[in-house]
Amino acid sequence: MVYENYRDFYQKSLIQIGPEDLNSLKETLPIPGDKITHWLIALEGEPDQKNYYQWKVAVYPADCEGSFDWSSRFYTSADFNCFHKACDFARSLEQNGKNDKLSSLTPFEQIS
């Protein structure tokens, strides 16, 4: 398993994946059996060359205990130069996840 090297990684609470999102997830990523049951939404921070932080919001499929695979990222946002804006965006993704509408927001950016 390959791990990302973030200075800062803040995961939010797990959100159970609804049936619509689960169907979309199965079409997008190969998921092992029925172990994937939740979304893990996280804020990931990296310093740029001037040591200013850039923040991204990422969504990972996870199991009920919060275990996930770094290489199976379902979505990643554009960079935010403000932590508070990234938090606000993460909250909106959480709400969409709770409403079983996370997969219908925008085309997902696959990460290699």
N, C-alpha and C. Protein backbone atom coordinates (compact mmCIF):
# COMPACT_ATOMS: atom_id res chain seq x y z
N MET A 1 0.84 -1.17 0.00
CA MET A 1 0.00 0.00 0.00
C MET A 1 0.89 1.24 0.00
N VAL A 2 0.57 2.21 -0.80
CA VAL A 2 1.32 3.45 -0.87
C VAL A 2 0.60 4.48 -0.01
N TYR A 3 1.37 5.19 0.81
CA TYR A 3 0.80 6.23 1.66
C TYR A 3 1.23 7.59 1.15
N GLU A 4 0.32 8.51 1.17
CA GLU A 4 0.63 9.89 0.80
C GLU A 4 1.43 10.51 1.93
N ASN A 5 2.21 11.51 1.62
CA ASN A 5 3.03 12.16 2.62
C ASN A 5 2.50 13.57 2.86
N TYR A 6 1.42 13.68 3.60
CA TYR A 6 0.86 14.98 3.94
C TYR A 6 1.38 15.41 5.31
N ARG A 7 1.67 16.68 5.44
CA ARG A 7 2.01 17.18 6.76
C ARG A 7 0.76 17.21 7.62
N ASP A 8 -0.35 17.55 6.99
CA ASP A 8 -1.61 17.63 7.73
C ASP A 8 -2.68 16.82 7.02
N PHE A 9 -3.35 15.98 7.79
CA PHE A 9 -4.45 15.17 7.28
C PHE A 9 -5.50 15.13 8.38
N TYR A 10 -6.64 15.75 8.10
CA TYR A 10 -7.72 15.81 9.08
C TYR A 10 -8.92 15.07 8.52
N GLN A 11 -9.23 13.94 9.12
CA GLN A 11 -10.39 13.22 8.65
C GLN A 11 -11.61 13.64 9.46
N LYS A 12 -12.74 13.67 8.78
CA LYS A 12 -14.01 14.02 9.41
C LYS A 12 -14.70 12.72 9.78
N SER A 13 -15.91 12.82 10.33
CA SER A 13 -16.64 11.60 10.72
C SER A 13 -16.98 10.76 9.50
N LEU A 14 -17.14 9.47 9.77
CA LEU A 14 -17.55 8.56 8.70
C LEU A 14 -19.03 8.78 8.40
N ILE A 15 -19.38 8.65 7.14
CA ILE A 15 -20.78 8.79 6.70
C ILE A 15 -21.15 7.51 5.97
N GLN A 16 -22.21 6.89 6.38
CA GLN A 16 -22.64 5.66 5.71
C GLN A 16 -23.01 5.96 4.27
N ILE A 17 -22.55 5.12 3.36
CA ILE A 17 -22.83 5.30 1.93
C ILE A 17 -24.26 4.84 1.66
N GLY A 18 -25.03 5.71 1.02
CA GLY A 18 -26.40 5.37 0.64
C GLY A 18 -26.41 4.48 -0.59
N PRO A 19 -27.57 3.89 -0.92
CA PRO A 19 -27.64 2.95 -2.04
C PRO A 19 -27.30 3.56 -3.40
N GLU A 20 -27.72 4.81 -3.65
CA GLU A 20 -27.40 5.45 -4.94
C GLU A 20 -25.90 5.68 -5.07
N ASP A 21 -25.32 6.21 -4.01
CA ASP A 21 -23.87 6.45 -4.05
C ASP A 21 -23.09 5.14 -4.14
N LEU A 22 -23.56 4.10 -3.48
CA LEU A 22 -22.87 2.81 -3.54
C LEU A 22 -22.89 2.25 -4.95
N ASN A 23 -24.02 2.36 -5.64
CA ASN A 23 -24.08 1.89 -7.04
C ASN A 23 -23.11 2.67 -7.91
N SER A 24 -23.05 3.98 -7.73
CA SER A 24 -22.12 4.79 -8.50
C SER A 24 -20.68 4.44 -8.17
N LEU A 25 -20.40 4.19 -6.90
CA LEU A 25 -19.06 3.83 -6.47
C LEU A 25 -18.61 2.53 -7.13
N LYS A 26 -19.50 1.55 -7.18
CA LYS A 26 -19.16 0.26 -7.78
C LYS A 26 -18.85 0.40 -9.27
N GLU A 27 -19.47 1.38 -9.93
CA GLU A 27 -19.20 1.62 -11.36
C GLU A 27 -17.87 2.34 -11.56
N THR A 28 -17.46 3.12 -10.57
CA THR A 28 -16.28 3.96 -10.71
C THR A 28 -14.99 3.29 -10.25
N LEU A 29 -15.03 2.63 -9.10
CA LEU A 29 -13.84 2.00 -8.53
C LEU A 29 -14.08 0.52 -8.29
N PRO A 30 -13.06 -0.29 -8.49
CA PRO A 30 -13.21 -1.68 -8.09
C PRO A 30 -13.15 -1.76 -6.57
N ILE A 31 -14.24 -2.18 -5.95
CA ILE A 31 -14.24 -2.26 -4.49
C ILE A 31 -14.33 -3.72 -4.06
N PRO A 32 -13.57 -4.07 -3.05
CA PRO A 32 -13.51 -5.48 -2.63
C PRO A 32 -14.74 -5.90 -1.83
N GLY A 33 -15.55 -6.73 -2.42
CA GLY A 33 -16.71 -7.30 -1.72
C GLY A 33 -17.64 -6.25 -1.16
N ASP A 34 -18.13 -6.52 0.04
CA ASP A 34 -19.06 -5.58 0.66
C ASP A 34 -18.43 -4.92 1.89
N LYS A 35 -17.11 -4.82 1.91
CA LYS A 35 -16.42 -4.20 3.03
C LYS A 35 -16.55 -2.68 3.03
N ILE A 36 -16.75 -2.09 1.87
CA ILE A 36 -16.86 -0.64 1.78
C ILE A 36 -18.30 -0.25 2.12
N THR A 37 -18.45 0.51 3.20
CA THR A 37 -19.79 0.88 3.66
C THR A 37 -19.92 2.36 3.99
N HIS A 38 -18.79 3.07 4.05
CA HIS A 38 -18.82 4.46 4.50
C HIS A 38 -17.95 5.36 3.62
N TRP A 39 -18.25 6.66 3.68
CA TRP A 39 -17.39 7.68 3.10
C TRP A 39 -16.51 8.24 4.20
N LEU A 40 -15.26 8.47 3.88
CA LEU A 40 -14.36 9.20 4.76
C LEU A 40 -14.00 10.48 4.02
N ILE A 41 -14.37 11.61 4.58
CA ILE A 41 -14.06 12.91 3.99
C ILE A 41 -12.91 13.50 4.79
N ALA A 42 -11.90 13.98 4.09
CA ALA A 42 -10.70 14.47 4.77
C ALA A 42 -10.20 15.76 4.15
N LEU A 43 -9.57 16.56 4.98
CA LEU A 43 -8.86 17.75 4.53
C LEU A 43 -7.38 17.40 4.52
N GLU A 44 -6.74 17.67 3.39
CA GLU A 44 -5.34 17.32 3.22
C GLU A 44 -4.56 18.59 2.91
N GLY A 45 -3.53 18.84 3.70
CA GLY A 45 -2.75 20.06 3.52
C GLY A 45 -1.32 19.78 3.15
N GLU A 46 -0.83 20.58 2.22
CA GLU A 46 0.57 20.50 1.80
C GLU A 46 1.12 21.91 1.66
N PRO A 47 2.32 22.14 2.15
CA PRO A 47 2.92 23.46 1.95
C PRO A 47 3.45 23.60 0.52
N ASP A 48 3.34 24.81 -0.01
CA ASP A 48 3.93 25.05 -1.32
C ASP A 48 5.39 25.46 -1.11
N GLN A 49 6.03 25.97 -2.15
CA GLN A 49 7.46 26.29 -2.06
C GLN A 49 7.74 27.44 -1.09
N LYS A 50 6.74 28.28 -0.84
CA LYS A 50 6.92 29.40 0.09
C LYS A 50 6.41 29.05 1.48
N ASN A 51 6.07 27.78 1.69
CA ASN A 51 5.55 27.27 2.96
C ASN A 51 4.15 27.81 3.29
N TYR A 52 3.40 28.24 2.26
CA TYR A 52 1.99 28.54 2.43
C TYR A 52 1.23 27.25 2.16
N TYR A 53 0.21 26.99 2.94
CA TYR A 53 -0.53 25.74 2.79
C TYR A 53 -1.57 25.82 1.69
N GLN A 54 -1.66 24.73 0.96
CA GLN A 54 -2.75 24.51 0.00
C GLN A 54 -3.55 23.35 0.56
N TRP A 55 -4.86 23.48 0.56
CA TRP A 55 -5.74 22.46 1.12
C TRP A 55 -6.60 21.85 0.04
N LYS A 56 -6.82 20.56 0.14
CA LYS A 56 -7.74 19.84 -0.73
C LYS A 56 -8.70 19.08 0.16
N VAL A 57 -9.88 18.83 -0.38
CA VAL A 57 -10.84 17.97 0.30
C VAL A 57 -10.92 16.69 -0.52
N ALA A 58 -10.75 15.56 0.14
CA ALA A 58 -10.77 14.28 -0.55
C ALA A 58 -11.83 13.38 0.07
N VAL A 59 -12.37 12.50 -0.77
CA VAL A 59 -13.37 11.54 -0.32
C VAL A 59 -12.83 10.14 -0.64
N TYR A 60 -12.82 9.30 0.37
CA TYR A 60 -12.34 7.93 0.24
C TYR A 60 -13.46 6.96 0.61
N PRO A 61 -13.61 5.87 -0.11
CA PRO A 61 -14.46 4.78 0.37
C PRO A 61 -13.76 4.11 1.55
N ALA A 62 -14.52 3.78 2.59
CA ALA A 62 -13.93 3.19 3.79
C ALA A 62 -14.84 2.10 4.35
N ASP A 63 -14.30 1.32 5.27
CA ASP A 63 -15.14 0.35 5.95
C ASP A 63 -15.74 1.00 7.20
N CYS A 64 -16.50 0.24 7.95
CA CYS A 64 -17.22 0.79 9.10
C CYS A 64 -16.29 1.24 10.23
N GLU A 65 -15.03 0.81 10.18
CA GLU A 65 -14.06 1.21 11.20
C GLU A 65 -13.19 2.38 10.75
N GLY A 66 -13.40 2.84 9.52
CA GLY A 66 -12.62 3.97 9.01
C GLY A 66 -11.38 3.59 8.27
N SER A 67 -11.14 2.31 8.05
CA SER A 67 -9.97 1.90 7.26
C SER A 67 -10.23 2.19 5.78
N PHE A 68 -9.22 2.71 5.12
CA PHE A 68 -9.36 3.04 3.71
C PHE A 68 -8.01 2.87 3.02
N ASP A 69 -8.04 2.88 1.71
CA ASP A 69 -6.84 2.73 0.90
C ASP A 69 -6.54 4.08 0.25
N TRP A 70 -5.35 4.61 0.51
CA TRP A 70 -4.96 5.91 -0.06
C TRP A 70 -5.11 5.93 -1.58
N SER A 71 -4.89 4.80 -2.22
CA SER A 71 -4.91 4.77 -3.69
C SER A 71 -6.32 4.69 -4.26
N SER A 72 -7.33 4.56 -3.41
CA SER A 72 -8.72 4.44 -3.89
C SER A 72 -9.51 5.72 -3.65
N ARG A 73 -8.87 6.84 -3.80
CA ARG A 73 -9.56 8.12 -3.60
C ARG A 73 -10.68 8.23 -4.63
N PHE A 74 -11.87 8.56 -4.17
CA PHE A 74 -13.03 8.68 -5.05
C PHE A 74 -13.14 10.07 -5.64
N TYR A 75 -12.73 11.07 -4.87
CA TYR A 75 -12.86 12.45 -5.32
C TYR A 75 -11.80 13.30 -4.64
N THR A 76 -11.33 14.30 -5.35
CA THR A 76 -10.49 15.32 -4.74
C THR A 76 -10.88 16.67 -5.30
N SER A 77 -10.87 17.66 -4.45
CA SER A 77 -11.27 19.01 -4.86
C SER A 77 -10.09 19.75 -5.48
N ALA A 78 -10.40 20.91 -5.99
CA ALA A 78 -9.34 21.84 -6.39
C ALA A 78 -8.68 22.35 -5.11
N ASP A 79 -7.55 23.01 -5.25
CA ASP A 79 -6.85 23.56 -4.10
C ASP A 79 -7.61 24.73 -3.49
N PHE A 80 -7.54 24.82 -2.18
CA PHE A 80 -8.04 25.97 -1.43
C PHE A 80 -6.83 26.59 -0.74
N ASN A 81 -6.73 27.90 -0.76
CA ASN A 81 -5.62 28.54 -0.07
C ASN A 81 -6.01 28.97 1.34
N CYS A 82 -7.23 28.61 1.75
CA CYS A 82 -7.72 28.96 3.07
C CYS A 82 -8.34 27.71 3.71
N PHE A 83 -7.87 27.38 4.91
CA PHE A 83 -8.36 26.20 5.61
C PHE A 83 -9.87 26.29 5.84
N HIS A 84 -10.37 27.47 6.18
CA HIS A 84 -11.79 27.64 6.49
C HIS A 84 -12.67 27.39 5.26
N LYS A 85 -12.21 27.80 4.10
CA LYS A 85 -12.97 27.52 2.87
C LYS A 85 -12.98 26.02 2.57
N ALA A 86 -11.86 25.36 2.81
CA ALA A 86 -11.80 23.91 2.63
C ALA A 86 -12.75 23.22 3.61
N CYS A 87 -12.82 23.69 4.85
CA CYS A 87 -13.75 23.13 5.84
C CYS A 87 -15.19 23.31 5.41
N ASP A 88 -15.52 24.48 4.91
CA ASP A 88 -16.88 24.74 4.44
C ASP A 88 -17.25 23.79 3.30
N PHE A 89 -16.30 23.59 2.38
CA PHE A 89 -16.56 22.68 1.27
C PHE A 89 -16.72 21.25 1.77
N ALA A 90 -15.90 20.84 2.74
CA ALA A 90 -16.01 19.50 3.31
C ALA A 90 -17.38 19.31 3.96
N ARG A 91 -17.88 20.33 4.65
CA ARG A 91 -19.21 20.25 5.26
C ARG A 91 -20.30 20.07 4.20
N SER A 92 -20.15 20.75 3.07
CA SER A 92 -21.16 20.58 2.01
C SER A 92 -21.10 19.17 1.43
N LEU A 93 -19.89 18.60 1.30
CA LEU A 93 -19.78 17.22 0.84
C LEU A 93 -20.38 16.26 1.86
N GLU A 94 -20.17 16.52 3.14
CA GLU A 94 -20.77 15.68 4.19
C GLU A 94 -22.29 15.67 4.07
N GLN A 95 -22.87 16.84 3.88
CA GLN A 95 -24.33 16.92 3.78
C GLN A 95 -24.83 16.16 2.56
N ASN A 96 -24.14 16.29 1.45
CA ASN A 96 -24.52 15.54 0.25
C ASN A 96 -24.36 14.04 0.46
N GLY A 97 -23.34 13.64 1.19
CA GLY A 97 -23.16 12.22 1.50
C GLY A 97 -24.29 11.69 2.37
N LYS A 98 -24.69 12.46 3.35
CA LYS A 98 -25.80 12.06 4.22
C LYS A 98 -27.11 11.95 3.45
N ASN A 99 -27.24 12.75 2.40
CA ASN A 99 -28.45 12.73 1.56
C ASN A 99 -28.34 11.75 0.39
N ASP A 100 -27.29 10.93 0.36
CA ASP A 100 -27.07 9.95 -0.70
C ASP A 100 -26.93 10.61 -2.07
N LYS A 101 -26.33 11.79 -2.10
CA LYS A 101 -26.18 12.54 -3.34
C LYS A 101 -24.73 12.92 -3.63
N LEU A 102 -23.80 12.30 -2.95
CA LEU A 102 -22.40 12.68 -3.14
C LEU A 102 -21.92 12.37 -4.55
N SER A 103 -22.35 11.26 -5.08
CA SER A 103 -21.86 10.84 -6.40
C SER A 103 -22.46 11.65 -7.54
N SER A 104 -23.50 12.43 -7.27
CA SER A 104 -24.14 13.17 -8.36
C SER A 104 -23.69 14.63 -8.44
N LEU A 105 -22.75 15.05 -7.61
CA LEU A 105 -22.35 16.45 -7.60
C LEU A 105 -21.64 16.89 -8.87
N THR A 106 -20.50 16.30 -9.14
CA THR A 106 -19.68 16.67 -10.29
C THR A 106 -18.95 15.44 -10.75
N PRO A 107 -18.42 15.49 -11.96
CA PRO A 107 -17.57 14.37 -12.37
C PRO A 107 -16.40 14.27 -11.41
N PHE A 108 -16.05 13.06 -11.04
CA PHE A 108 -14.99 12.87 -10.07
C PHE A 108 -13.64 12.83 -10.76
N GLU A 109 -12.67 13.42 -10.10
CA GLU A 109 -11.31 13.47 -10.59
C GLU A 109 -10.57 12.26 -10.03
N GLN A 110 -10.28 11.33 -10.89
CA GLN A 110 -9.56 10.14 -10.45
C GLN A 110 -8.10 10.49 -10.23
N ILE A 111 -7.52 9.97 -9.20
CA ILE A 111 -6.13 10.23 -8.86
C ILE A 111 -5.34 8.95 -9.11
N SER A 112 -4.23 9.07 -9.80
CA SER A 112 -3.39 7.90 -10.06
C SER A 112 -2.30 7.81 -9.03
